[in-house]
């Protein structure tokens, strides 16, 4: 999105929402994006934890062995 498109979008938002409600709409949009990002990060952490193999604490993992045919 270039500068002209962004300016046009802001002018349309100003006309639709009005000068008094535009800052409130921006705050609500920012809060929604933060909440979405937080939920996305939590979901990624949960998936990453499910992918990690369980290792016993206190001992390093044993080296992998290849089985020959």
PDB file of N, CA and C in Angstrom:
ATOM      1  N   UNK A   1       0.860  -1.163   0.000  1.00  0.00           N
ATOM      2  CA  UNK A   1       0.000   0.000   0.000  1.00  0.00           C
ATOM      3  C   UNK A   1       0.911   1.231   0.000  1.00  0.00           C
ATOM      4  N   UNK A   2       0.735   2.077  -0.990  1.00  0.00           N
ATOM      5  CA  UNK A   2       1.574   3.263  -1.060  1.00  0.00           C
ATOM      6  C   UNK A   2       0.937   4.416  -0.279  1.00  0.00           C
ATOM      7  N   UNK A   3       1.591   5.541  -0.252  1.00  0.00           N
ATOM      8  CA  UNK A   3       1.137   6.688   0.534  1.00  0.00           C
ATOM      9  C   UNK A   3      -0.201   7.249   0.101  1.00  0.00           C
ATOM     10  N   UNK A   4      -0.439   7.291  -1.213  1.00  0.00           N
ATOM     11  CA  UNK A   4      -1.699   7.835  -1.713  1.00  0.00           C
ATOM     12  C   UNK A   4      -2.884   6.955  -1.308  1.00  0.00           C
ATOM     13  N   UNK A   5      -2.703   5.634  -1.369  1.00  0.00           N
ATOM     14  CA  UNK A   5      -3.775   4.724  -0.962  1.00  0.00           C
ATOM     15  C   UNK A   5      -4.072   4.846   0.524  1.00  0.00           C
ATOM     16  N   UNK A   6      -3.025   4.982   1.322  1.00  0.00           N
ATOM     17  CA  UNK A   6      -3.205   5.134   2.761  1.00  0.00           C
ATOM     18  C   UNK A   6      -3.922   6.440   3.084  1.00  0.00           C
ATOM     19  N   UNK A   7      -3.561   7.510   2.413  1.00  0.00           N
ATOM     20  CA  UNK A   7      -4.213   8.802   2.627  1.00  0.00           C
ATOM     21  C   UNK A   7      -5.683   8.727   2.239  1.00  0.00           C
ATOM     22  N   UNK A   8      -5.993   8.085   1.122  1.00  0.00           N
ATOM     23  CA  UNK A   8      -7.381   7.926   0.698  1.00  0.00           C
ATOM     24  C   UNK A   8      -8.171   7.115   1.721  1.00  0.00           C
ATOM     25  N   UNK A   9      -7.576   6.072   2.240  1.00  0.00           N
ATOM     26  CA  UNK A   9      -8.240   5.252   3.252  1.00  0.00           C
ATOM     27  C   UNK A   9      -8.520   6.055   4.521  1.00  0.00           C
ATOM     28  N   UNK A  10      -7.565   6.863   4.946  1.00  0.00           N
ATOM     29  CA  UNK A  10      -7.766   7.696   6.136  1.00  0.00           C
ATOM     30  C   UNK A  10      -8.850   8.743   5.920  1.00  0.00           C
ATOM     31  N   UNK A  11      -8.923   9.342   4.732  1.00  0.00           N
ATOM     32  CA  UNK A  11      -9.964  10.337   4.432  1.00  0.00           C
ATOM     33  C   UNK A  11     -11.335   9.671   4.457  1.00  0.00           C
ATOM     34  N   UNK A  12     -11.441   8.477   3.878  1.00  0.00           N
ATOM     35  CA  UNK A  12     -12.722   7.760   3.888  1.00  0.00           C
ATOM     36  C   UNK A  12     -13.121   7.408   5.320  1.00  0.00           C
ATOM     37  N   UNK A  13     -12.156   6.954   6.131  1.00  0.00           N
ATOM     38  CA  UNK A  13     -12.455   6.634   7.524  1.00  0.00           C
ATOM     39  C   UNK A  13     -12.905   7.873   8.278  1.00  0.00           C
ATOM     40  N   UNK A  14     -12.290   9.006   8.007  1.00  0.00           N
ATOM     41  CA  UNK A  14     -12.684  10.256   8.664  1.00  0.00           C
ATOM     42  C   UNK A  14     -14.101  10.641   8.272  1.00  0.00           C
ATOM     43  N   UNK A  15     -14.457  10.480   7.013  1.00  0.00           N
ATOM     44  CA  UNK A  15     -15.808  10.818   6.567  1.00  0.00           C
ATOM     45  C   UNK A  15     -16.851   9.864   7.151  1.00  0.00           C
ATOM     46  N   UNK A  16     -16.512   8.590   7.230  1.00  0.00           N
ATOM     47  CA  UNK A  16     -17.480   7.607   7.721  1.00  0.00           C
ATOM     48  C   UNK A  16     -17.647   7.694   9.233  1.00  0.00           C
ATOM     49  N   UNK A  17     -16.532   7.768   9.955  1.00  0.00           N
ATOM     50  CA  UNK A  17     -16.597   7.730  11.413  1.00  0.00           C
ATOM     51  C   UNK A  17     -16.738   9.113  12.049  1.00  0.00           C
ATOM     52  N   UNK A  18     -16.217  10.111  11.413  1.00  0.00           N
ATOM     53  CA  UNK A  18     -16.244  11.444  11.997  1.00  0.00           C
ATOM     54  C   UNK A  18     -14.998  11.659  12.844  1.00  0.00           C
ATOM     55  N   UNK A  19     -14.709  12.921  13.108  1.00  0.00           N
ATOM     56  CA  UNK A  19     -13.487  13.293  13.825  1.00  0.00           C
ATOM     57  C   UNK A  19     -13.505  12.834  15.281  1.00  0.00           C
ATOM     58  N   UNK A  20     -14.661  12.732  15.877  1.00  0.00           N
ATOM     59  CA  UNK A  20     -14.731  12.378  17.305  1.00  0.00           C
ATOM     60  C   UNK A  20     -14.555  10.881  17.551  1.00  0.00           C
ATOM     61  N   UNK A  21     -15.046  10.070  16.624  1.00  0.00           N
ATOM     62  CA  UNK A  21     -14.974   8.617  16.834  1.00  0.00           C
ATOM     63  C   UNK A  21     -13.755   7.976  16.200  1.00  0.00           C
ATOM     64  N   UNK A  22     -13.007   8.685  15.373  1.00  0.00           N
ATOM     65  CA  UNK A  22     -11.843   8.108  14.706  1.00  0.00           C
ATOM     66  C   UNK A  22     -10.752   7.662  15.687  1.00  0.00           C
ATOM     67  N   UNK A  23     -10.368   8.470  16.695  1.00  0.00           N
ATOM     68  CA  UNK A  23      -9.354   7.991  17.648  1.00  0.00           C
ATOM     69  C   UNK A  23      -9.810   6.753  18.433  1.00  0.00           C
ATOM     70  N   UNK A  24     -11.084   6.723  18.797  1.00  0.00           N
ATOM     71  CA  UNK A  24     -11.611   5.555  19.520  1.00  0.00           C
ATOM     72  C   UNK A  24     -11.556   4.305  18.644  1.00  0.00           C
ATOM     73  N   UNK A  25     -11.888   4.463  17.374  1.00  0.00           N
ATOM     74  CA  UNK A  25     -11.829   3.328  16.446  1.00  0.00           C
ATOM     75  C   UNK A  25     -10.386   2.848  16.286  1.00  0.00           C
ATOM     76  N   UNK A  26      -9.435   3.760  16.259  1.00  0.00           N
ATOM     77  CA  UNK A  26      -8.024   3.380  16.164  1.00  0.00           C
ATOM     78  C   UNK A  26      -7.562   2.617  17.384  1.00  0.00           C
ATOM     79  N   UNK A  27      -7.983   3.061  18.570  1.00  0.00           N
ATOM     80  CA  UNK A  27      -7.622   2.349  19.801  1.00  0.00           C
ATOM     81  C   UNK A  27      -8.217   0.949  19.811  1.00  0.00           C
ATOM     82  N   UNK A  28      -9.478   0.843  19.404  1.00  0.00           N
ATOM     83  CA  UNK A  28     -10.127  -0.472  19.378  1.00  0.00           C
ATOM     84  C   UNK A  28      -9.448  -1.400  18.381  1.00  0.00           C
ATOM     85  N   UNK A  29      -9.056  -0.867  17.224  1.00  0.00           N
ATOM     86  CA  UNK A  29      -8.361  -1.666  16.227  1.00  0.00           C
ATOM     87  C   UNK A  29      -7.003  -2.129  16.752  1.00  0.00           C
ATOM     88  N   UNK A  30      -6.274  -1.235  17.412  1.00  0.00           N
ATOM     89  CA  UNK A  30      -4.979  -1.598  17.986  1.00  0.00           C
ATOM     90  C   UNK A  30      -5.106  -2.662  19.060  1.00  0.00           C
ATOM     91  N   UNK A  31      -6.110  -2.520  19.919  1.00  0.00           N
ATOM     92  CA  UNK A  31      -6.332  -3.507  20.977  1.00  0.00           C
ATOM     93  C   UNK A  31      -6.694  -4.871  20.378  1.00  0.00           C
ATOM     94  N   UNK A  32      -7.520  -4.852  19.352  1.00  0.00           N
ATOM     95  CA  UNK A  32      -7.892  -6.107  18.694  1.00  0.00           C
ATOM     96  C   UNK A  32      -6.700  -6.792  18.059  1.00  0.00           C
ATOM     97  N   UNK A  33      -5.837  -6.012  17.423  1.00  0.00           N
ATOM     98  CA  UNK A  33      -4.635  -6.586  16.813  1.00  0.00           C
ATOM     99  C   UNK A  33      -3.677  -7.144  17.862  1.00  0.00           C
ATOM    100  N   UNK A  34      -3.534  -6.446  18.998  1.00  0.00           N
ATOM    101  CA  UNK A  34      -2.676  -6.955  20.081  1.00  0.00           C
ATOM    102  C   UNK A  34      -3.220  -8.263  20.638  1.00  0.00           C
ATOM    103  N   UNK A  35      -4.532  -8.321  20.857  1.00  0.00           N
ATOM    104  CA  UNK A  35      -5.138  -9.549  21.373  1.00  0.00           C
ATOM    105  C   UNK A  35      -4.969 -10.706  20.385  1.00  0.00           C
ATOM    106  N   UNK A  36      -5.134 -10.417  19.104  1.00  0.00           N
ATOM    107  CA  UNK A  36      -4.958 -11.442  18.079  1.00  0.00           C
ATOM    108  C   UNK A  36      -3.521 -11.940  18.057  1.00  0.00           C
ATOM    109  N   UNK A  37      -2.560 -11.015  18.133  1.00  0.00           N
ATOM    110  CA  UNK A  37      -1.142 -11.392  18.121  1.00  0.00           C
ATOM    111  C   UNK A  37      -0.797 -12.228  19.352  1.00  0.00           C
ATOM    112  N   UNK A  38      -1.338 -11.863  20.503  1.00  0.00           N
ATOM    113  CA  UNK A  38      -1.088 -12.620  21.735  1.00  0.00           C
ATOM    114  C   UNK A  38      -1.647 -14.045  21.618  1.00  0.00           C
ATOM    115  N   UNK A  39      -2.858 -14.176  21.092  1.00  0.00           N
ATOM    116  CA  UNK A  39      -3.456 -15.507  20.926  1.00  0.00           C
ATOM    117  C   UNK A  39      -2.666 -16.332  19.917  1.00  0.00           C
ATOM    118  N   UNK A  40      -2.198 -15.705  18.856  1.00  0.00           N
ATOM    119  CA  UNK A  40      -1.401 -16.401  17.853  1.00  0.00           C
ATOM    120  C   UNK A  40      -0.088 -16.895  18.447  1.00  0.00           C
ATOM    121  N   UNK A  41       0.570 -16.075  19.255  1.00  0.00           N
ATOM    122  CA  UNK A  41       1.818 -16.487  19.897  1.00  0.00           C
ATOM    123  C   UNK A  41       1.593 -17.640  20.876  1.00  0.00           C
ATOM    124  N   UNK A  42       0.503 -17.597  21.615  1.00  0.00           N
ATOM    125  CA  UNK A  42       0.192 -18.686  22.542  1.00  0.00           C
ATOM    126  C   UNK A  42      -0.058 -19.987  21.781  1.00  0.00           C
ATOM    127  N   UNK A  43      -0.747 -19.914  20.667  1.00  0.00           N
ATOM    128  CA  UNK A  43      -1.008 -21.110  19.866  1.00  0.00           C
ATOM    129  C   UNK A  43       0.298 -21.663  19.298  1.00  0.00           C
ATOM    130  N   UNK A  44       1.183 -20.785  18.852  1.00  0.00           N
ATOM    131  CA  UNK A  44       2.481 -21.240  18.331  1.00  0.00           C
ATOM    132  C   UNK A  44       3.287 -21.923  19.424  1.00  0.00           C
ATOM    133  N   UNK A  45       3.287 -21.352  20.632  1.00  0.00           N
ATOM    134  CA  UNK A  45       4.017 -21.977  21.744  1.00  0.00           C
ATOM    135  C   UNK A  45       3.450 -23.350  22.064  1.00  0.00           C
ATOM    136  N   UNK A  46       2.137 -23.476  22.046  1.00  0.00           N
ATOM    137  CA  UNK A  46       1.513 -24.769  22.348  1.00  0.00           C
ATOM    138  C   UNK A  46       1.892 -25.812  21.298  1.00  0.00           C
ATOM    139  N   UNK A  47       1.903 -25.417  20.038  1.00  0.00           N
ATOM    140  CA  UNK A  47       2.277 -26.345  18.971  1.00  0.00           C
ATOM    141  C   UNK A  47       3.746 -26.726  19.100  1.00  0.00           C
ATOM    142  N   UNK A  48       4.597 -25.754  19.394  1.00  0.00           N
ATOM    143  CA  UNK A  48       6.024 -26.049  19.557  1.00  0.00           C
ATOM    144  C   UNK A  48       6.276 -26.990  20.729  1.00  0.00           C
ATOM    145  N   UNK A  49       5.541 -26.830  21.813  1.00  0.00           N
ATOM    146  CA  UNK A  49       5.713 -27.715  22.968  1.00  0.00           C
ATOM    147  C   UNK A  49       5.272 -29.130  22.628  1.00  0.00           C
ATOM    148  N   UNK A  50       4.232 -29.262  21.808  1.00  0.00           N
ATOM    149  CA  UNK A  50       3.767 -30.593  21.410  1.00  0.00           C
ATOM    150  C   UNK A  50       4.775 -31.280  20.499  1.00  0.00           C
ATOM    151  N   UNK A  51       5.530 -30.519  19.732  1.00  0.00           N
ATOM    152  CA  UNK A  51       6.500 -31.103  18.810  1.00  0.00           C
ATOM    153  C   UNK A  51       7.771 -31.555  19.502  1.00  0.00           C
ATOM    154  N   UNK A  52       8.149 -30.916  20.611  1.00  0.00           N
ATOM    155  CA  UNK A  52       9.393 -31.261  21.297  1.00  0.00           C
ATOM    156  C   UNK A  52       9.271 -32.622  21.969  1.00  0.00           C
ATOM    157  N   UNK A  53      10.257 -33.498  21.769  1.00  0.00           N
ATOM    158  CA  UNK A  53      10.206 -34.788  22.457  1.00  0.00           C
ATOM    159  C   UNK A  53      10.493 -34.601  23.947  1.00  0.00           C
ATOM    160  N   UNK A  54       9.875 -35.430  24.741  1.00  0.00           N
ATOM    161  CA  UNK A  54      10.085 -35.356  26.186  1.00  0.00           C
ATOM    162  C   UNK A  54      11.456 -35.920  26.519  1.00  0.00           C
ATOM    163  N   UNK A  55      12.262 -35.156  27.231  1.00  0.00           N
ATOM    164  CA  UNK A  55      13.599 -35.600  27.639  1.00  0.00           C
ATOM    165  C   UNK A  55      13.651 -35.681  29.155  1.00  0.00           C
ATOM    166  N   UNK A  56      14.269 -36.723  29.674  1.00  0.00           N
ATOM    167  CA  UNK A  56      14.420 -36.778  31.128  1.00  0.00           C
ATOM    168  C   UNK A  56      15.407 -35.697  31.574  1.00  0.00           C
ATOM    169  N   UNK A  57      15.053 -34.997  32.620  1.00  0.00           N
ATOM    170  CA  UNK A  57      15.949 -33.944  33.102  1.00  0.00           C
ATOM    171  C   UNK A  57      17.092 -34.575  33.879  1.00  0.00           C
ATOM    172  N   UNK A  58      18.258 -33.992  33.766  1.00  0.00           N
ATOM    173  CA  UNK A  58      19.409 -34.496  34.493  1.00  0.00           C
ATOM    174  C   UNK A  58      20.370 -35.269  33.622  1.00  0.00           C
ATOM    175  N   UNK A  59      19.877 -35.865  32.540  1.00  0.00           N
ATOM    176  CA  UNK A  59      20.760 -36.609  31.640  1.00  0.00           C
ATOM    177  C   UNK A  59      20.682 -35.989  30.257  1.00  0.00           C
ATOM    178  N   UNK A  60      21.828 -35.865  29.601  1.00  0.00           N
ATOM    179  CA  UNK A  60      21.787 -35.354  28.224  1.00  0.00           C
ATOM    180  C   UNK A  60      21.182 -36.408  27.311  1.00  0.00           C
ATOM    181  N   UNK A  61      20.629 -35.981  26.191  1.00  0.00           N
ATOM    182  CA  UNK A  61      20.038 -36.961  25.277  1.00  0.00           C
ATOM    183  C   UNK A  61      21.110 -37.881  24.706  1.00  0.00           C
ATOM    184  N   UNK A  62      20.760 -39.141  24.515  1.00  0.00           N
ATOM    185  CA  UNK A  62      21.718 -40.111  23.993  1.00  0.00           C
ATOM    186  C   UNK A  62      21.899 -39.887  22.499  1.00  0.00           C
ATOM    187  N   UNK A  63      23.084 -40.188  21.982  1.00  0.00           N
ATOM    188  CA  UNK A  63      23.304 -39.998  20.542  1.00  0.00           C
ATOM    189  C   UNK A  63      22.454 -40.981  19.751  1.00  0.00           C
ATOM    190  N   UNK A  64      22.016 -40.538  18.595  1.00  0.00           N
ATOM    191  CA  UNK A  64      21.166 -41.413  17.783  1.00  0.00           C
ATOM    192  C   UNK A  64      22.032 -42.459  17.091  1.00  0.00           C
ATOM    193  N   UNK A  65      21.485 -43.633  16.961  1.00  0.00           N
ATOM    194  CA  UNK A  65      22.197 -44.729  16.312  1.00  0.00           C
ATOM    195  C   UNK A  65      21.498 -45.067  15.022  1.00  0.00           C
ATOM    196  N   UNK A  66      22.281 -45.313  13.989  1.00  0.00           N
ATOM    197  CA  UNK A  66      21.702 -45.761  12.726  1.00  0.00           C
ATOM    198  C   UNK A  66      21.755 -47.273  12.670  1.00  0.00           C
ATOM    199  N   UNK A  67      20.667 -47.833  12.284  1.00  0.00           N
ATOM    200  CA  UNK A  67      20.615 -49.289  12.118  1.00  0.00           C
ATOM    201  C   UNK A  67      21.026 -49.622  10.696  1.00  0.00           C
ATOM    202  N   UNK A  68      21.925 -50.568  10.567  1.00  0.00           N
ATOM    203  CA  UNK A  68      22.346 -50.965   9.222  1.00  0.00           C
ATOM    204  C   UNK A  68      21.405 -52.009   8.685  1.00  0.00           C
ATOM    205  N   UNK A  69      21.295 -52.068   7.375  1.00  0.00           N
ATOM    206  CA  UNK A  69      20.388 -53.023   6.726  1.00  0.00           C
ATOM    207  C   UNK A  69      20.877 -54.425   6.806  1.00  0.00           C
TER     208      UNK A  69
END
